Amino acid sequence: MSDIPIESTITESTEVIESPPTPEQLKTKFVKYAMRNMVKKRGKSLQHFALSTIGLLTLFVGLAYLTR
């Protein structure tokens, strides 16, 4: 008959095919990795947050001064 054993054809046909992740799953995965990265690099995250806050306050005060 055929040279392929019956066991190998059965196992090949019963393999589970994974479906691609949905956008919701990708979003939660991204958030999980971002939060883990923020915890791991706590000092750097706080420094960037502080610089962004100071920059935005400076921008708003500057615009308020120019448009008074």
PDB file of N, CA and C in Angstrom:
ATOM      1  N   MET A   1       0.819  -1.182   0.000  1.00  0.00           N
ATOM      2  CA  MET A   1       0.000   0.000   0.000  1.00  0.00           C
ATOM      3  C   MET A   1       0.866   1.249   0.000  1.00  0.00           C
ATOM      4  N   SER A   2       0.915   1.904   1.141  1.00  0.00           N
ATOM      5  CA  SER A   2       1.674   3.142   1.196  1.00  0.00           C
ATOM      6  C   SER A   2       2.806   2.982   2.198  1.00  0.00           C
ATOM      7  N   ASP A   3       3.854   3.790   2.022  1.00  0.00           N
ATOM      8  CA  ASP A   3       5.016   3.710   2.902  1.00  0.00           C
ATOM      9  C   ASP A   3       4.814   4.495   4.204  1.00  0.00           C
ATOM     10  N   ILE A   4       3.770   5.298   4.300  1.00  0.00           N
ATOM     11  CA  ILE A   4       3.537   6.130   5.491  1.00  0.00           C
ATOM     12  C   ILE A   4       2.779   5.305   6.520  1.00  0.00           C
ATOM     13  N   PRO A   5       3.286   5.237   7.761  1.00  0.00           N
ATOM     14  CA  PRO A   5       2.561   4.500   8.789  1.00  0.00           C
ATOM     15  C   PRO A   5       1.258   5.202   9.157  1.00  0.00           C
ATOM     16  N   ILE A   6       0.306   4.435   9.597  1.00  0.00           N
ATOM     17  CA  ILE A   6      -1.019   4.967   9.932  1.00  0.00           C
ATOM     18  C   ILE A   6      -0.918   5.950  11.100  1.00  0.00           C
ATOM     19  N   GLU A   7      -0.076   5.681  12.092  1.00  0.00           N
ATOM     20  CA  GLU A   7       0.027   6.551  13.260  1.00  0.00           C
ATOM     21  C   GLU A   7       0.445   7.966  12.879  1.00  0.00           C
ATOM     22  N   SER A   8       1.390   8.110  11.941  1.00  0.00           N
ATOM     23  CA  SER A   8       1.869   9.446  11.593  1.00  0.00           C
ATOM     24  C   SER A   8       0.803  10.246  10.845  1.00  0.00           C
ATOM     25  N   THR A   9      -0.034   9.590  10.039  1.00  0.00           N
ATOM     26  CA  THR A   9      -1.083  10.327   9.332  1.00  0.00           C
ATOM     27  C   THR A   9      -2.176  10.771  10.296  1.00  0.00           C
ATOM     28  N   ILE A  10      -2.429   9.978  11.336  1.00  0.00           N
ATOM     29  CA  ILE A  10      -3.453  10.353  12.310  1.00  0.00           C
ATOM     30  C   ILE A  10      -2.976  11.551  13.136  1.00  0.00           C
ATOM     31  N   THR A  11      -1.728  11.518  13.588  1.00  0.00           N
ATOM     32  CA  THR A  11      -1.229  12.625  14.415  1.00  0.00           C
ATOM     33  C   THR A  11      -1.105  13.907  13.601  1.00  0.00           C
ATOM     34  N   GLU A  12      -0.748  13.806  12.339  1.00  0.00           N
ATOM     35  CA  GLU A  12      -0.638  14.994  11.498  1.00  0.00           C
ATOM     36  C   GLU A  12      -2.001  15.635  11.271  1.00  0.00           C
ATOM     37  N   SER A  13      -3.038  14.833  11.147  1.00  0.00           N
ATOM     38  CA  SER A  13      -4.351  15.391  10.845  1.00  0.00           C
ATOM     39  C   SER A  13      -5.051  15.938  12.083  1.00  0.00           C
ATOM     40  N   THR A  14      -4.589  15.573  13.287  1.00  0.00           N
ATOM     41  CA  THR A  14      -5.250  16.051  14.502  1.00  0.00           C
ATOM     42  C   THR A  14      -4.515  17.219  15.155  1.00  0.00           C
ATOM     43  N   GLU A  15      -3.523  17.803  14.498  1.00  0.00           N
ATOM     44  CA  GLU A  15      -2.816  18.944  15.062  1.00  0.00           C
ATOM     45  C   GLU A  15      -3.763  20.136  15.161  1.00  0.00           C
ATOM     46  N   VAL A  16      -3.618  20.886  16.234  1.00  0.00           N
ATOM     47  CA  VAL A  16      -4.455  22.060  16.462  1.00  0.00           C
ATOM     48  C   VAL A  16      -3.823  23.249  15.746  1.00  0.00           C
ATOM     49  N   ILE A  17      -4.614  23.908  14.944  1.00  0.00           N
ATOM     50  CA  ILE A  17      -4.143  25.090  14.225  1.00  0.00           C
ATOM     51  C   ILE A  17      -4.553  26.316  15.030  1.00  0.00           C
ATOM     52  N   GLU A  18      -3.541  27.118  15.440  1.00  0.00           N
ATOM     53  CA  GLU A  18      -3.828  28.307  16.228  1.00  0.00           C
ATOM     54  C   GLU A  18      -4.322  29.432  15.322  1.00  0.00           C
ATOM     55  N   SER A  19      -5.347  30.130  15.781  1.00  0.00           N
ATOM     56  CA  SER A  19      -5.839  31.270  15.022  1.00  0.00           C
ATOM     57  C   SER A  19      -5.040  32.500  15.428  1.00  0.00           C
ATOM     58  N   PRO A  20      -4.919  33.474  14.539  1.00  0.00           N
ATOM     59  CA  PRO A  20      -4.169  34.679  14.885  1.00  0.00           C
ATOM     60  C   PRO A  20      -4.876  35.442  16.004  1.00  0.00           C
ATOM     61  N   PRO A  21      -4.108  36.165  16.836  1.00  0.00           N
ATOM     62  CA  PRO A  21      -4.731  36.880  17.957  1.00  0.00           C
ATOM     63  C   PRO A  21      -5.640  38.001  17.466  1.00  0.00           C
ATOM     64  N   THR A  22      -6.693  38.232  18.207  1.00  0.00           N
ATOM     65  CA  THR A  22      -7.621  39.306  17.863  1.00  0.00           C
ATOM     66  C   THR A  22      -7.006  40.641  18.273  1.00  0.00           C
ATOM     67  N   PRO A  23      -7.508  41.755  17.729  1.00  0.00           N
ATOM     68  CA  PRO A  23      -6.970  43.066  18.128  1.00  0.00           C
ATOM     69  C   PRO A  23      -7.099  43.330  19.626  1.00  0.00           C
ATOM     70  N   GLU A  24      -8.158  42.823  20.250  1.00  0.00           N
ATOM     71  CA  GLU A  24      -8.338  43.008  21.694  1.00  0.00           C
ATOM     72  C   GLU A  24      -7.238  42.270  22.467  1.00  0.00           C
ATOM     73  N   GLN A  25      -6.890  41.068  22.009  1.00  0.00           N
ATOM     74  CA  GLN A  25      -5.822  40.314  22.663  1.00  0.00           C
ATOM     75  C   GLN A  25      -4.480  41.016  22.489  1.00  0.00           C
ATOM     76  N   LEU A  26      -4.245  41.583  21.301  1.00  0.00           N
ATOM     77  CA  LEU A  26      -3.002  42.306  21.066  1.00  0.00           C
ATOM     78  C   LEU A  26      -2.926  43.548  21.951  1.00  0.00           C
ATOM     79  N   LYS A  27      -4.068  44.226  22.127  1.00  0.00           N
ATOM     80  CA  LYS A  27      -4.096  45.437  22.955  1.00  0.00           C
ATOM     81  C   LYS A  27      -3.765  45.088  24.403  1.00  0.00           C
ATOM     82  N   THR A  28      -4.370  44.042  24.931  1.00  0.00           N
ATOM     83  CA  THR A  28      -4.099  43.676  26.323  1.00  0.00           C
ATOM     84  C   THR A  28      -2.658  43.204  26.490  1.00  0.00           C
ATOM     85  N   LYS A  29      -2.118  42.532  25.479  1.00  0.00           N
ATOM     86  CA  LYS A  29      -0.734  42.081  25.544  1.00  0.00           C
ATOM     87  C   LYS A  29       0.208  43.289  25.558  1.00  0.00           C
ATOM     88  N   PHE A  30      -0.090  44.289  24.715  1.00  0.00           N
ATOM     89  CA  PHE A  30       0.733  45.494  24.665  1.00  0.00           C
ATOM     90  C   PHE A  30       0.695  46.233  26.000  1.00  0.00           C
ATOM     91  N   VAL A  31      -0.489  46.359  26.591  1.00  0.00           N
ATOM     92  CA  VAL A  31      -0.628  47.050  27.875  1.00  0.00           C
ATOM     93  C   VAL A  31       0.142  46.310  28.961  1.00  0.00           C
ATOM     94  N   LYS A  32       0.070  44.989  28.931  1.00  0.00           N
ATOM     95  CA  LYS A  32       0.781  44.184  29.932  1.00  0.00           C
ATOM     96  C   LYS A  32       2.286  44.412  29.830  1.00  0.00           C
ATOM     97  N   TYR A  33       2.822  44.412  28.620  1.00  0.00           N
ATOM     98  CA  TYR A  33       4.250  44.624  28.437  1.00  0.00           C
ATOM     99  C   TYR A  33       4.653  46.050  28.794  1.00  0.00           C
ATOM    100  N   ALA A  34       3.815  47.023  28.481  1.00  0.00           N
ATOM    101  CA  ALA A  34       4.123  48.417  28.805  1.00  0.00           C
ATOM    102  C   ALA A  34       4.156  48.620  30.317  1.00  0.00           C
ATOM    103  N   MET A  35       3.182  48.042  31.027  1.00  0.00           N
ATOM    104  CA  MET A  35       3.156  48.170  32.483  1.00  0.00           C
ATOM    105  C   MET A  35       4.362  47.468  33.113  1.00  0.00           C
ATOM    106  N   ARG A  36       4.712  46.313  32.602  1.00  0.00           N
ATOM    107  CA  ARG A  36       5.878  45.592  33.128  1.00  0.00           C
ATOM    108  C   ARG A  36       7.148  46.412  32.911  1.00  0.00           C
ATOM    109  N   ASN A  37       7.255  47.048  31.746  1.00  0.00           N
ATOM    110  CA  ASN A  37       8.420  47.860  31.440  1.00  0.00           C
ATOM    111  C   ASN A  37       8.483  49.082  32.356  1.00  0.00           C
ATOM    112  N   MET A  38       7.332  49.705  32.649  1.00  0.00           N
ATOM    113  CA  MET A  38       7.311  50.864  33.532  1.00  0.00           C
ATOM    114  C   MET A  38       7.742  50.485  34.946  1.00  0.00           C
ATOM    115  N   VAL A  39       7.324  49.326  35.414  1.00  0.00           N
ATOM    116  CA  VAL A  39       7.704  48.892  36.757  1.00  0.00           C
ATOM    117  C   VAL A  39       9.190  48.566  36.804  1.00  0.00           C
ATOM    118  N   LYS A  40       9.679  47.950  35.747  1.00  0.00           N
ATOM    119  CA  LYS A  40      11.083  47.556  35.717  1.00  0.00           C
ATOM    120  C   LYS A  40      11.999  48.782  35.663  1.00  0.00           C
ATOM    121  N   LYS A  41      11.593  49.809  34.916  1.00  0.00           N
ATOM    122  CA  LYS A  41      12.417  51.012  34.754  1.00  0.00           C
ATOM    123  C   LYS A  41      11.742  52.182  35.452  1.00  0.00           C
ATOM    124  N   ARG A  42      11.479  52.037  36.725  1.00  0.00           N
ATOM    125  CA  ARG A  42      10.699  53.009  37.499  1.00  0.00           C
ATOM    126  C   ARG A  42      11.316  54.405  37.459  1.00  0.00           C
ATOM    127  N   GLY A  43      12.619  54.534  37.708  1.00  0.00           N
ATOM    128  CA  GLY A  43      13.266  55.846  37.750  1.00  0.00           C
ATOM    129  C   GLY A  43      13.183  56.579  36.424  1.00  0.00           C
ATOM    130  N   LYS A  44      13.422  55.861  35.355  1.00  0.00           N
ATOM    131  CA  LYS A  44      13.397  56.468  34.023  1.00  0.00           C
ATOM    132  C   LYS A  44      11.984  56.927  33.665  1.00  0.00           C
ATOM    133  N   SER A  45      10.976  56.133  34.025  1.00  0.00           N
ATOM    134  CA  SER A  45       9.594  56.495  33.740  1.00  0.00           C
ATOM    135  C   SER A  45       9.188  57.740  34.514  1.00  0.00           C
ATOM    136  N   LEU A  46       9.567  57.809  35.788  1.00  0.00           N
ATOM    137  CA  LEU A  46       9.240  58.990  36.590  1.00  0.00           C
ATOM    138  C   LEU A  46       9.955  60.232  36.077  1.00  0.00           C
ATOM    139  N   GLN A  47      11.177  60.058  35.624  1.00  0.00           N
ATOM    140  CA  GLN A  47      11.932  61.185  35.073  1.00  0.00           C
ATOM    141  C   GLN A  47      11.252  61.708  33.809  1.00  0.00           C
ATOM    142  N   HIS A  48      10.845  60.823  32.925  1.00  0.00           N
ATOM    143  CA  HIS A  48      10.173  61.246  31.691  1.00  0.00           C
ATOM    144  C   HIS A  48       8.827  61.895  31.988  1.00  0.00           C
ATOM    145  N   PHE A  49       8.103  61.353  32.962  1.00  0.00           N
ATOM    146  CA  PHE A  49       6.827  61.945  33.350  1.00  0.00           C
ATOM    147  C   PHE A  49       7.032  63.356  33.893  1.00  0.00           C
ATOM    148  N   ALA A  50       8.035  63.538  34.756  1.00  0.00           N
ATOM    149  CA  ALA A  50       8.316  64.857  35.323  1.00  0.00           C
ATOM    150  C   ALA A  50       8.725  65.846  34.232  1.00  0.00           C
ATOM    151  N   LEU A  51       9.587  65.426  33.316  1.00  0.00           N
ATOM    152  CA  LEU A  51      10.004  66.315  32.231  1.00  0.00           C
ATOM    153  C   LEU A  51       8.827  66.696  31.331  1.00  0.00           C
ATOM    154  N   SER A  52       7.948  65.748  31.048  1.00  0.00           N
ATOM    155  CA  SER A  52       6.770  66.039  30.223  1.00  0.00           C
ATOM    156  C   SER A  52       5.842  67.014  30.926  1.00  0.00           C
ATOM    157  N   THR A  53       5.657  66.834  32.239  1.00  0.00           N
ATOM    158  CA  THR A  53       4.790  67.727  33.003  1.00  0.00           C
ATOM    159  C   THR A  53       5.359  69.140  33.040  1.00  0.00           C
ATOM    160  N   ILE A  54       6.647  69.255  33.299  1.00  0.00           N
ATOM    161  CA  ILE A  54       7.297  70.574  33.327  1.00  0.00           C
ATOM    162  C   ILE A  54       7.219  71.226  31.951  1.00  0.00           C
ATOM    163  N   GLY A  55       7.443  70.446  30.896  1.00  0.00           N
ATOM    164  CA  GLY A  55       7.367  70.986  29.540  1.00  0.00           C
ATOM    165  C   GLY A  55       5.980  71.493  29.193  1.00  0.00           C
ATOM    166  N   LEU A  56       4.943  70.737  29.548  1.00  0.00           N
ATOM    167  CA  LEU A  56       3.574  71.175  29.259  1.00  0.00           C
ATOM    168  C   LEU A  56       3.204  72.414  30.062  1.00  0.00           C
ATOM    169  N   LEU A  57       3.574  72.452  31.346  1.00  0.00           N
ATOM    170  CA  LEU A  57       3.296  73.642  32.157  1.00  0.00           C
ATOM    171  C   LEU A  57       4.002  74.868  31.601  1.00  0.00           C
ATOM    172  N   THR A  58       5.248  74.701  31.170  1.00  0.00           N
ATOM    173  CA  THR A  58       5.999  75.801  30.568  1.00  0.00           C
ATOM    174  C   THR A  58       5.318  76.276  29.286  1.00  0.00           C
ATOM    175  N   LEU A  59       4.859  75.349  28.480  1.00  0.00           N
ATOM    176  CA  LEU A  59       4.165  75.702  27.238  1.00  0.00           C
ATOM    177  C   LEU A  59       2.889  76.489  27.538  1.00  0.00           C
ATOM    178  N   PHE A  60       2.097  76.005  28.485  1.00  0.00           N
ATOM    179  CA  PHE A  60       0.835  76.687  28.810  1.00  0.00           C
ATOM    180  C   PHE A  60       1.074  78.074  29.408  1.00  0.00           C
ATOM    181  N   VAL A  61       2.057  78.187  30.294  1.00  0.00           N
ATOM    182  CA  VAL A  61       2.362  79.495  30.881  1.00  0.00           C
ATOM    183  C   VAL A  61       2.883  80.444  29.804  1.00  0.00           C
ATOM    184  N   GLY A  62       3.711  79.934  28.928  1.00  0.00           N
ATOM    185  CA  GLY A  62       4.218  80.763  27.830  1.00  0.00           C
ATOM    186  C   GLY A  62       3.123  81.225  26.899  1.00  0.00           C
ATOM    187  N   LEU A  63       2.204  80.336  26.554  1.00  0.00           N
ATOM    188  CA  LEU A  63       1.078  80.732  25.686  1.00  0.00           C
ATOM    189  C   LEU A  63       0.155  81.724  26.405  1.00  0.00           C
ATOM    190  N   ALA A  64      -0.051  81.532  27.699  1.00  0.00           N
ATOM    191  CA  ALA A  64      -0.880  82.464  28.452  1.00  0.00           C
ATOM    192  C   ALA A  64      -0.230  83.843  28.502  1.00  0.00           C
ATOM    193  N   TYR A  65       1.067  83.886  28.641  1.00  0.00           N
ATOM    194  CA  TYR A  65       1.781  85.157  28.685  1.00  0.00           C
ATOM    195  C   TYR A  65       1.697  85.862  27.328  1.00  0.00           C
ATOM    196  N   LEU A  66       1.858  85.102  26.240  1.00  0.00           N
ATOM    197  CA  LEU A  66       1.836  85.704  24.906  1.00  0.00           C
ATOM    198  C   LEU A  66       0.451  86.175  24.505  1.00  0.00           C
ATOM    199  N   THR A  67      -0.581  85.547  24.989  1.00  0.00           N
ATOM    200  CA  THR A  67      -1.958  85.880  24.554  1.00  0.00           C
ATOM    201  C   THR A  67      -2.721  86.722  25.563  1.00  0.00           C
ATOM    202  N   ARG A  68      -2.056  87.301  26.556  1.00  0.00           N
ATOM    203  CA  ARG A  68      -2.787  88.089  27.558  1.00  0.00           C
ATOM    204  C   ARG A  68      -3.276  89.388  27.027  1.00  0.00           C
TER     205      ARG A  68
END
